[in-house]
């Protein structure tokens, strides 16, 4: 049986903050989003470093998991870099506005 769209997780249920999220999400600051992204990047990088060491020493037996963790670390780092770039671009645009 195919589930309807109502049963699909969306928005804040998936950890994504949308414009239509509940009122409690309105107090989320850019700083907290950025800090969470950095912490996530650090955690995934640490896990990838550990997996790499396990793989090099022959202790890792699941190459697919190592590859998945490598992709997670790369994606998390790309997110932080993109957030930084957007913040810098926004700052530059605000500074160029005339009052």
PDB file of N, CA and C in Angstrom:
ATOM      1  N   UNK A   1       0.839  -1.179   0.000  1.00  0.00           N
ATOM      2  CA  UNK A   1       0.000   0.000   0.000  1.00  0.00           C
ATOM      3  C   UNK A   1       0.883   1.241   0.000  1.00  0.00           C
ATOM      4  N   UNK A   2       0.566   2.188  -0.808  1.00  0.00           N
ATOM      5  CA  UNK A   2       1.331   3.419  -0.908  1.00  0.00           C
ATOM      6  C   UNK A   2       0.797   4.412   0.113  1.00  0.00           C
ATOM      7  N   UNK A   3       1.699   4.987   0.897  1.00  0.00           N
ATOM      8  CA  UNK A   3       1.307   5.981   1.891  1.00  0.00           C
ATOM      9  C   UNK A   3       1.040   7.305   1.203  1.00  0.00           C
ATOM     10  N   UNK A   4       0.099   8.058   1.748  1.00  0.00           N
ATOM     11  CA  UNK A   4      -0.202   9.375   1.225  1.00  0.00           C
ATOM     12  C   UNK A   4       0.871  10.366   1.611  1.00  0.00           C
ATOM     13  N   UNK A   5       0.822  11.527   1.030  1.00  0.00           N
ATOM     14  CA  UNK A   5       1.822  12.560   1.296  1.00  0.00           C
ATOM     15  C   UNK A   5       1.749  13.044   2.735  1.00  0.00           C
ATOM     16  N   UNK A   6       0.587  12.891   3.377  1.00  0.00           N
ATOM     17  CA  UNK A   6       0.442  13.334   4.759  1.00  0.00           C
ATOM     18  C   UNK A   6       1.357  12.566   5.700  1.00  0.00           C
ATOM     19  N   UNK A   7       1.705  11.325   5.350  1.00  0.00           N
ATOM     20  CA  UNK A   7       2.525  10.511   6.241  1.00  0.00           C
ATOM     21  C   UNK A   7       4.024  10.744   6.060  1.00  0.00           C
ATOM     22  N   UNK A   8       4.408  11.527   5.067  1.00  0.00           N
ATOM     23  CA  UNK A   8       5.822  11.786   4.834  1.00  0.00           C
ATOM     24  C   UNK A   8       6.347  12.812   5.822  1.00  0.00           C
ATOM     25  N   UNK A   9       7.539  12.585   6.398  1.00  0.00           N
ATOM     26  CA  UNK A   9       8.116  13.596   7.284  1.00  0.00           C
ATOM     27  C   UNK A   9       8.542  14.799   6.469  1.00  0.00           C
ATOM     28  N   UNK A  10       8.232  15.977   6.951  1.00  0.00           N
ATOM     29  CA  UNK A  10       8.566  17.176   6.204  1.00  0.00           C
ATOM     30  C   UNK A  10       8.885  18.296   7.168  1.00  0.00           C
ATOM     31  N   UNK A  11       9.757  19.186   6.733  1.00  0.00           N
ATOM     32  CA  UNK A  11      10.035  20.380   7.533  1.00  0.00           C
ATOM     33  C   UNK A  11      10.755  20.070   8.811  1.00  0.00           C
ATOM     34  N   UNK A  12      10.233  20.567   9.921  1.00  0.00           N
ATOM     35  CA  UNK A  12      10.929  20.453  11.189  1.00  0.00           C
ATOM     36  C   UNK A  12      11.030  19.004  11.661  1.00  0.00           C
ATOM     37  N   UNK A  13      10.147  18.102  11.166  1.00  0.00           N
ATOM     38  CA  UNK A  13      10.248  16.698  11.546  1.00  0.00           C
ATOM     39  C   UNK A  13      11.525  16.069  11.017  1.00  0.00           C
ATOM     40  N   UNK A  14      12.054  16.598   9.921  1.00  0.00           N
ATOM     41  CA  UNK A  14      13.282  16.088   9.326  1.00  0.00           C
ATOM     42  C   UNK A  14      14.494  16.884   9.795  1.00  0.00           C
ATOM     43  N   UNK A  15      14.296  17.843  10.683  1.00  0.00           N
ATOM     44  CA  UNK A  15      15.391  18.669  11.137  1.00  0.00           C
ATOM     45  C   UNK A  15      15.632  19.866  10.234  1.00  0.00           C
ATOM     46  N   UNK A  16      14.725  20.115   9.313  1.00  0.00           N
ATOM     47  CA  UNK A  16      14.852  21.238   8.398  1.00  0.00           C
ATOM     48  C   UNK A  16      13.936  22.345   8.884  1.00  0.00           C
ATOM     49  N   UNK A  17      14.462  23.544   8.978  1.00  0.00           N
ATOM     50  CA  UNK A  17      13.663  24.678   9.397  1.00  0.00           C
ATOM     51  C   UNK A  17      13.092  25.350   8.165  1.00  0.00           C
ATOM     52  N   UNK A  18      11.773  25.343   8.081  1.00  0.00           N
ATOM     53  CA  UNK A  18      11.115  25.948   6.934  1.00  0.00           C
ATOM     54  C   UNK A  18      10.401  27.217   7.362  1.00  0.00           C
ATOM     55  N   UNK A  19       9.957  27.979   6.394  1.00  0.00           N
ATOM     56  CA  UNK A  19       9.249  29.225   6.691  1.00  0.00           C
ATOM     57  C   UNK A  19       7.918  28.956   7.367  1.00  0.00           C
ATOM     58  N   UNK A  20       7.378  27.758   7.192  1.00  0.00           N
ATOM     59  CA  UNK A  20       6.091  27.429   7.783  1.00  0.00           C
ATOM     60  C   UNK A  20       6.233  26.596   9.049  1.00  0.00           C
ATOM     61  N   UNK A  21       7.435  26.523   9.613  1.00  0.00           N
ATOM     62  CA  UNK A  21       7.646  25.758  10.834  1.00  0.00           C
ATOM     63  C   UNK A  21       6.849  26.363  11.969  1.00  0.00           C
ATOM     64  N   UNK A  22       6.713  25.587  13.024  1.00  0.00           N
ATOM     65  CA  UNK A  22       5.939  26.036  14.169  1.00  0.00           C
ATOM     66  C   UNK A  22       6.576  27.243  14.835  1.00  0.00           C
ATOM     67  N   UNK A  23       5.826  27.902  15.677  1.00  0.00           N
ATOM     68  CA  UNK A  23       6.237  29.151  16.301  1.00  0.00           C
ATOM     69  C   UNK A  23       7.534  29.009  17.099  1.00  0.00           C
ATOM     70  N   UNK A  24       7.795  27.860  17.702  1.00  0.00           N
ATOM     71  CA  UNK A  24       9.002  27.701  18.506  1.00  0.00           C
ATOM     72  C   UNK A  24      10.276  27.857  17.682  1.00  0.00           C
ATOM     73  N   UNK A  25      10.221  27.654  16.369  1.00  0.00           N
ATOM     74  CA  UNK A  25      11.394  27.766  15.511  1.00  0.00           C
ATOM     75  C   UNK A  25      11.711  29.216  15.138  1.00  0.00           C
ATOM     76  N   UNK A  26      10.828  30.161  15.469  1.00  0.00           N
ATOM     77  CA  UNK A  26      11.053  31.551  15.101  1.00  0.00           C
ATOM     78  C   UNK A  26      12.229  32.157  15.848  1.00  0.00           C
ATOM     79  N   UNK A  27      12.596  31.621  16.994  1.00  0.00           N
ATOM     80  CA  UNK A  27      13.667  32.170  17.803  1.00  0.00           C
ATOM     81  C   UNK A  27      15.034  31.598  17.463  1.00  0.00           C
ATOM     82  N   UNK A  28      15.133  30.822  16.407  1.00  0.00           N
ATOM     83  CA  UNK A  28      16.401  30.234  16.000  1.00  0.00           C
ATOM     84  C   UNK A  28      17.249  31.310  15.336  1.00  0.00           C
ATOM     85  N   UNK A  29      18.459  31.512  15.856  1.00  0.00           N
ATOM     86  CA  UNK A  29      19.328  32.542  15.305  1.00  0.00           C
ATOM     87  C   UNK A  29      20.278  31.950  14.271  1.00  0.00           C
ATOM     88  N   UNK A  30      20.808  32.830  13.445  1.00  0.00           N
ATOM     89  CA  UNK A  30      21.794  32.392  12.451  1.00  0.00           C
ATOM     90  C   UNK A  30      23.020  31.818  13.154  1.00  0.00           C
ATOM     91  N   UNK A  31      23.380  32.412  14.279  1.00  0.00           N
ATOM     92  CA  UNK A  31      24.538  31.944  15.038  1.00  0.00           C
ATOM     93  C   UNK A  31      24.348  30.498  15.476  1.00  0.00           C
ATOM     94  N   UNK A  32      23.163  30.150  15.962  1.00  0.00           N
ATOM     95  CA  UNK A  32      22.940  28.777  16.418  1.00  0.00           C
ATOM     96  C   UNK A  32      22.934  27.799  15.245  1.00  0.00           C
ATOM     97  N   UNK A  33      22.396  28.231  14.115  1.00  0.00           N
ATOM     98  CA  UNK A  33      22.418  27.373  12.924  1.00  0.00           C
ATOM     99  C   UNK A  33      23.856  27.148  12.476  1.00  0.00           C
ATOM    100  N   UNK A  34      24.641  28.225  12.454  1.00  0.00           N
ATOM    101  CA  UNK A  34      26.035  28.132  12.034  1.00  0.00           C
ATOM    102  C   UNK A  34      26.844  27.265  13.005  1.00  0.00           C
ATOM    103  N   UNK A  35      26.622  27.444  14.314  1.00  0.00           N
ATOM    104  CA  UNK A  35      27.337  26.642  15.307  1.00  0.00           C
ATOM    105  C   UNK A  35      26.979  25.164  15.182  1.00  0.00           C
ATOM    106  N   UNK A  36      25.708  24.877  14.944  1.00  0.00           N
ATOM    107  CA  UNK A  36      25.284  23.494  14.771  1.00  0.00           C
ATOM    108  C   UNK A  36      25.930  22.878  13.535  1.00  0.00           C
ATOM    109  N   UNK A  37      26.003  23.637  12.458  1.00  0.00           N
ATOM    110  CA  UNK A  37      26.634  23.140  11.232  1.00  0.00           C
ATOM    111  C   UNK A  37      28.124  22.872  11.461  1.00  0.00           C
ATOM    112  N   UNK A  38      28.787  23.758  12.198  1.00  0.00           N
ATOM    113  CA  UNK A  38      30.210  23.561  12.492  1.00  0.00           C
ATOM    114  C   UNK A  38      30.415  22.333  13.373  1.00  0.00           C
ATOM    115  N   UNK A  39      29.585  22.186  14.401  1.00  0.00           N
ATOM    116  CA  UNK A  39      29.702  21.016  15.278  1.00  0.00           C
ATOM    117  C   UNK A  39      29.460  19.724  14.504  1.00  0.00           C
ATOM    118  N   UNK A  40      28.479  19.750  13.605  1.00  0.00           N
ATOM    119  CA  UNK A  40      28.206  18.580  12.783  1.00  0.00           C
ATOM    120  C   UNK A  40      29.394  18.255  11.885  1.00  0.00           C
ATOM    121  N   UNK A  41      30.003  19.285  11.300  1.00  0.00           N
ATOM    122  CA  UNK A  41      31.176  19.075  10.442  1.00  0.00           C
ATOM    123  C   UNK A  41      32.332  18.491  11.253  1.00  0.00           C
ATOM    124  N   UNK A  42      32.526  18.995  12.466  1.00  0.00           N
ATOM    125  CA  UNK A  42      33.599  18.478  13.316  1.00  0.00           C
ATOM    126  C   UNK A  42      33.348  17.016  13.698  1.00  0.00           C
ATOM    127  N   UNK A  43      32.105  16.682  14.040  1.00  0.00           N
ATOM    128  CA  UNK A  43      31.781  15.314  14.422  1.00  0.00           C
ATOM    129  C   UNK A  43      31.958  14.344  13.264  1.00  0.00           C
ATOM    130  N   UNK A  44      31.473  14.735  12.093  1.00  0.00           N
ATOM    131  CA  UNK A  44      31.602  13.842  10.947  1.00  0.00           C
ATOM    132  C   UNK A  44      33.059  13.708  10.520  1.00  0.00           C
ATOM    133  N   UNK A  45      33.831  14.779  10.659  1.00  0.00           N
ATOM    134  CA  UNK A  45      35.250  14.713  10.326  1.00  0.00           C
ATOM    135  C   UNK A  45      35.996  13.798  11.294  1.00  0.00           C
ATOM    136  N   UNK A  46      35.661  13.903  12.565  1.00  0.00           N
ATOM    137  CA  UNK A  46      36.281  13.037  13.571  1.00  0.00           C
ATOM    138  C   UNK A  46      35.949  11.577  13.292  1.00  0.00           C
ATOM    139  N   UNK A  47      34.686  11.305  12.959  1.00  0.00           N
ATOM    140  CA  UNK A  47      34.281   9.930  12.647  1.00  0.00           C
ATOM    141  C   UNK A  47      35.002   9.426  11.401  1.00  0.00           C
ATOM    142  N   UNK A  48      35.151  10.284  10.395  1.00  0.00           N
ATOM    143  CA  UNK A  48      35.856   9.885   9.180  1.00  0.00           C
ATOM    144  C   UNK A  48      37.330   9.601   9.483  1.00  0.00           C
ATOM    145  N   UNK A  49      37.962  10.436  10.310  1.00  0.00           N
ATOM    146  CA  UNK A  49      39.360  10.203  10.691  1.00  0.00           C
ATOM    147  C   UNK A  49      39.515   8.858  11.389  1.00  0.00           C
ATOM    148  N   UNK A  50      38.581   8.565  12.287  1.00  0.00           N
ATOM    149  CA  UNK A  50      38.616   7.286  13.004  1.00  0.00           C
ATOM    150  C   UNK A  50      38.431   6.124  12.029  1.00  0.00           C
ATOM    151  N   UNK A  51      37.450   6.262  11.127  1.00  0.00           N
ATOM    152  CA  UNK A  51      37.201   5.203  10.141  1.00  0.00           C
ATOM    153  C   UNK A  51      38.407   4.987   9.233  1.00  0.00           C
ATOM    154  N   UNK A  52      39.060   6.081   8.843  1.00  0.00           N
ATOM    155  CA  UNK A  52      40.239   5.978   7.993  1.00  0.00           C
ATOM    156  C   UNK A  52      41.363   5.243   8.707  1.00  0.00           C
ATOM    157  N   UNK A  53      41.552   5.576   9.976  1.00  0.00           N
ATOM    158  CA  UNK A  53      42.587   4.886  10.754  1.00  0.00           C
ATOM    159  C   UNK A  53      42.251   3.402  10.887  1.00  0.00           C
ATOM    160  N   UNK A  54      40.999   3.101  11.123  1.00  0.00           N
ATOM    161  CA  UNK A  54      40.580   1.694  11.221  1.00  0.00           C
ATOM    162  C   UNK A  54      40.812   0.964   9.894  1.00  0.00           C
ATOM    163  N   UNK A  55      40.533   1.635   8.799  1.00  0.00           N
ATOM    164  CA  UNK A  55      40.715   1.039   7.483  1.00  0.00           C
ATOM    165  C   UNK A  55      42.188   0.796   7.184  1.00  0.00           C
ATOM    166  N   UNK A  56      43.043   1.774   7.532  1.00  0.00           N
ATOM    167  CA  UNK A  56      44.476   1.637   7.262  1.00  0.00           C
ATOM    168  C   UNK A  56      45.135   0.557   8.108  1.00  0.00           C
ATOM    169  N   UNK A  57      44.622   0.334   9.294  1.00  0.00           N
ATOM    170  CA  UNK A  57      45.193  -0.695  10.165  1.00  0.00           C
ATOM    171  C   UNK A  57      44.566  -2.061   9.930  1.00  0.00           C
ATOM    172  N   UNK A  58      43.583  -2.123   9.033  1.00  0.00           N
ATOM    173  CA  UNK A  58      42.952  -3.398   8.715  1.00  0.00           C
ATOM    174  C   UNK A  58      41.872  -3.805   9.698  1.00  0.00           C
ATOM    175  N   UNK A  59      41.476  -2.905  10.585  1.00  0.00           N
ATOM    176  CA  UNK A  59      40.464  -3.238  11.585  1.00  0.00           C
ATOM    177  C   UNK A  59      39.047  -2.977  11.091  1.00  0.00           C
ATOM    178  N   UNK A  60      38.891  -2.191  10.028  1.00  0.00           N
ATOM    179  CA  UNK A  60      37.560  -1.904   9.495  1.00  0.00           C
ATOM    180  C   UNK A  60      37.155  -3.034   8.558  1.00  0.00           C
ATOM    181  N   UNK A  61      35.921  -3.484   8.701  1.00  0.00           N
ATOM    182  CA  UNK A  61      35.456  -4.567   7.847  1.00  0.00           C
ATOM    183  C   UNK A  61      34.307  -4.136   6.933  1.00  0.00           C
ATOM    184  N   UNK A  62      33.874  -2.890   7.054  1.00  0.00           N
ATOM    185  CA  UNK A  62      32.764  -2.410   6.244  1.00  0.00           C
ATOM    186  C   UNK A  62      33.200  -1.177   5.456  1.00  0.00           C
ATOM    187  N   UNK A  63      33.668  -1.422   4.259  1.00  0.00           N
ATOM    188  CA  UNK A  63      34.160  -0.340   3.402  1.00  0.00           C
ATOM    189  C   UNK A  63      33.034   0.615   3.010  1.00  0.00           C
ATOM    190  N   UNK A  64      31.833   0.100   2.865  1.00  0.00           N
ATOM    191  CA  UNK A  64      30.692   0.958   2.492  1.00  0.00           C
ATOM    192  C   UNK A  64      30.427   1.999   3.575  1.00  0.00           C
ATOM    193  N   UNK A  65      30.518   1.609   4.832  1.00  0.00           N
ATOM    194  CA  UNK A  65      30.290   2.548   5.931  1.00  0.00           C
ATOM    195  C   UNK A  65      31.369   3.632   5.959  1.00  0.00           C
ATOM    196  N   UNK A  66      32.600   3.259   5.682  1.00  0.00           N
ATOM    197  CA  UNK A  66      33.691   4.233   5.624  1.00  0.00           C
ATOM    198  C   UNK A  66      33.438   5.232   4.498  1.00  0.00           C
ATOM    199  N   UNK A  67      32.999   4.735   3.355  1.00  0.00           N
ATOM    200  CA  UNK A  67      32.712   5.600   2.214  1.00  0.00           C
ATOM    201  C   UNK A  67      31.543   6.536   2.519  1.00  0.00           C
ATOM    202  N   UNK A  68      30.507   6.024   3.160  1.00  0.00           N
ATOM    203  CA  UNK A  68      29.360   6.849   3.532  1.00  0.00           C
ATOM    204  C   UNK A  68      29.784   7.938   4.505  1.00  0.00           C
ATOM    205  N   UNK A  69      30.594   7.590   5.494  1.00  0.00           N
ATOM    206  CA  UNK A  69      31.063   8.578   6.470  1.00  0.00           C
ATOM    207  C   UNK A  69      31.965   9.626   5.818  1.00  0.00           C
ATOM    208  N   UNK A  70      32.721   9.225   4.806  1.00  0.00           N
ATOM    209  CA  UNK A  70      33.548  10.193   4.070  1.00  0.00           C
ATOM    210  C   UNK A  70      32.659  11.191   3.328  1.00  0.00           C
ATOM    211  N   UNK A  71      31.594  10.684   2.709  1.00  0.00           N
ATOM    212  CA  UNK A  71      30.667  11.576   2.007  1.00  0.00           C
ATOM    213  C   UNK A  71      29.926  12.490   2.976  1.00  0.00           C
ATOM    214  N   UNK A  72      29.574  11.973   4.148  1.00  0.00           N
ATOM    215  CA  UNK A  72      28.923  12.801   5.165  1.00  0.00           C
ATOM    216  C   UNK A  72      29.846  13.936   5.605  1.00  0.00           C
ATOM    217  N   UNK A  73      31.116  13.616   5.819  1.00  0.00           N
ATOM    218  CA  UNK A  73      32.078  14.636   6.251  1.00  0.00           C
ATOM    219  C   UNK A  73      32.258  15.695   5.171  1.00  0.00           C
ATOM    220  N   UNK A  74      32.345  15.281   3.933  1.00  0.00           N
ATOM    221  CA  UNK A  74      32.509  16.228   2.833  1.00  0.00           C
ATOM    222  C   UNK A  74      31.274  17.111   2.681  1.00  0.00           C
ATOM    223  N   UNK A  75      30.095  16.535   2.795  1.00  0.00           N
ATOM    224  CA  UNK A  75      28.850  17.302   2.680  1.00  0.00           C
ATOM    225  C   UNK A  75      28.716  18.299   3.822  1.00  0.00           C
ATOM    226  N   UNK A  76      29.057  17.882   5.037  1.00  0.00           N
ATOM    227  CA  UNK A  76      28.978  18.784   6.190  1.00  0.00           C
ATOM    228  C   UNK A  76      29.945  19.950   6.030  1.00  0.00           C
ATOM    229  N   UNK A  77      31.138  19.683   5.538  1.00  0.00           N
ATOM    230  CA  UNK A  77      32.108  20.759   5.313  1.00  0.00           C
ATOM    231  C   UNK A  77      31.621  21.704   4.213  1.00  0.00           C
ATOM    232  N   UNK A  78      31.048  21.150   3.157  1.00  0.00           N
ATOM    233  CA  UNK A  78      30.507  21.990   2.079  1.00  0.00           C
ATOM    234  C   UNK A  78      29.387  22.884   2.591  1.00  0.00           C
ATOM    235  N   UNK A  79      28.569  22.369   3.501  1.00  0.00           N
ATOM    236  CA  UNK A  79      27.495  23.173   4.077  1.00  0.00           C
ATOM    237  C   UNK A  79      28.056  24.353   4.855  1.00  0.00           C
ATOM    238  N   UNK A  80      29.069  24.112   5.674  1.00  0.00           N
ATOM    239  CA  UNK A  80      29.678  25.187   6.458  1.00  0.00           C
ATOM    240  C   UNK A  80      30.303  26.235   5.538  1.00  0.00           C
ATOM    241  N   UNK A  81      30.985  25.793   4.510  1.00  0.00           N
ATOM    242  CA  UNK A  81      31.611  26.724   3.573  1.00  0.00           C
ATOM    243  C   UNK A  81      30.551  27.548   2.849  1.00  0.00           C
ATOM    244  N   UNK A  82      29.465  26.908   2.428  1.00  0.00           N
ATOM    245  CA  UNK A  82      28.397  27.642   1.743  1.00  0.00           C
ATOM    246  C   UNK A  82      27.706  28.625   2.680  1.00  0.00           C
ATOM    247  N   UNK A  83      27.483  28.248   3.927  1.00  0.00           N
ATOM    248  CA  UNK A  83      26.900  29.173   4.898  1.00  0.00           C
ATOM    249  C   UNK A  83      27.803  30.383   5.100  1.00  0.00           C
ATOM    250  N   UNK A  84      29.101  30.117   5.221  1.00  0.00           N
ATOM    251  CA  UNK A  84      30.057  31.213   5.386  1.00  0.00           C
ATOM    252  C   UNK A  84      30.044  32.145   4.184  1.00  0.00           C
ATOM    253  N   UNK A  85      30.057  31.563   2.991  1.00  0.00           N
ATOM    254  CA  UNK A  85      30.060  32.370   1.771  1.00  0.00           C
ATOM    255  C   UNK A  85      28.806  33.229   1.668  1.00  0.00           C
ATOM    256  N   UNK A  86      27.661  32.656   1.999  1.00  0.00           N
ATOM    257  CA  UNK A  86      26.411  33.417   1.944  1.00  0.00           C
ATOM    258  C   UNK A  86      26.408  34.533   2.980  1.00  0.00           C
ATOM    259  N   UNK A  87      26.948  34.268   4.159  1.00  0.00           N
ATOM    260  CA  UNK A  87      27.012  35.294   5.202  1.00  0.00           C
ATOM    261  C   UNK A  87      27.920  36.438   4.769  1.00  0.00           C
ATOM    262  N   UNK A  88      29.056  36.120   4.183  1.00  0.00           N
ATOM    263  CA  UNK A  88      29.982  37.154   3.716  1.00  0.00           C
ATOM    264  C   UNK A  88      29.360  37.951   2.576  1.00  0.00           C
ATOM    265  N   UNK A  89      28.709  37.273   1.642  1.00  0.00           N
ATOM    266  CA  UNK A  89      28.039  37.970   0.538  1.00  0.00           C
ATOM    267  C   UNK A  89      26.949  38.899   1.059  1.00  0.00           C
ATOM    268  N   UNK A  90      26.178  38.423   2.034  1.00  0.00           N
ATOM    269  CA  UNK A  90      25.117  39.253   2.609  1.00  0.00           C
ATOM    270  C   UNK A  90      25.701  40.467   3.310  1.00  0.00           C
ATOM    271  N   UNK A  91      26.789  40.256   4.049  1.00  0.00           N
ATOM    272  CA  UNK A  91      27.446  41.371   4.744  1.00  0.00           C
ATOM    273  C   UNK A  91      27.932  42.416   3.744  1.00  0.00           C
ATOM    274  N   UNK A  92      28.572  41.959   2.675  1.00  0.00           N
ATOM    275  CA  UNK A  92      29.069  42.882   1.652  1.00  0.00           C
ATOM    276  C   UNK A  92      27.925  43.662   1.011  1.00  0.00           C
ATOM    277  N   UNK A  93      26.821  42.975   0.761  1.00  0.00           N
ATOM    278  CA  UNK A  93      25.688  43.659   0.149  1.00  0.00           C
ATOM    279  C   UNK A  93      25.082  44.692   1.097  1.00  0.00           C
ATOM    280  N   UNK A  94      25.002  44.361   2.364  1.00  0.00           N
ATOM    281  CA  UNK A  94      24.499  45.333   3.350  1.00  0.00           C
ATOM    282  C   UNK A  94      25.430  46.538   3.445  1.00  0.00           C
ATOM    283  N   UNK A  95      26.722  46.298   3.405  1.00  0.00           N
ATOM    284  CA  UNK A  95      27.685  47.399   3.502  1.00  0.00           C
ATOM    285  C   UNK A  95      27.629  48.307   2.266  1.00  0.00           C
ATOM    286  N   UNK A  96      27.218  47.783   1.145  1.00  0.00           N
ATOM    287  CA  UNK A  96      27.125  48.576  -0.079  1.00  0.00           C
ATOM    288  C   UNK A  96      25.817  49.351  -0.208  1.00  0.00           C
ATOM    289  N   UNK A  97      24.886  49.114   0.710  1.00  0.00           N
ATOM    290  CA  UNK A  97      23.609  49.835   0.657  1.00  0.00           C
ATOM    291  C   UNK A  97      23.831  51.288   1.090  1.00  0.00           C
ATOM    292  N   UNK A  98      23.152  52.158   0.405  1.00  0.00           N
ATOM    293  CA  UNK A  98      23.237  53.563   0.793  1.00  0.00           C
ATOM    294  C   UNK A  98      22.031  53.918   1.655  1.00  0.00           C
ATOM    295  N   UNK A  99      22.270  54.726   2.644  1.00  0.00           N
ATOM    296  CA  UNK A  99      21.186  55.103   3.557  1.00  0.00           C
ATOM    297  C   UNK A  99      20.599  56.396   3.195  1.00  0.00           C
TER     298      UNK A  99
END
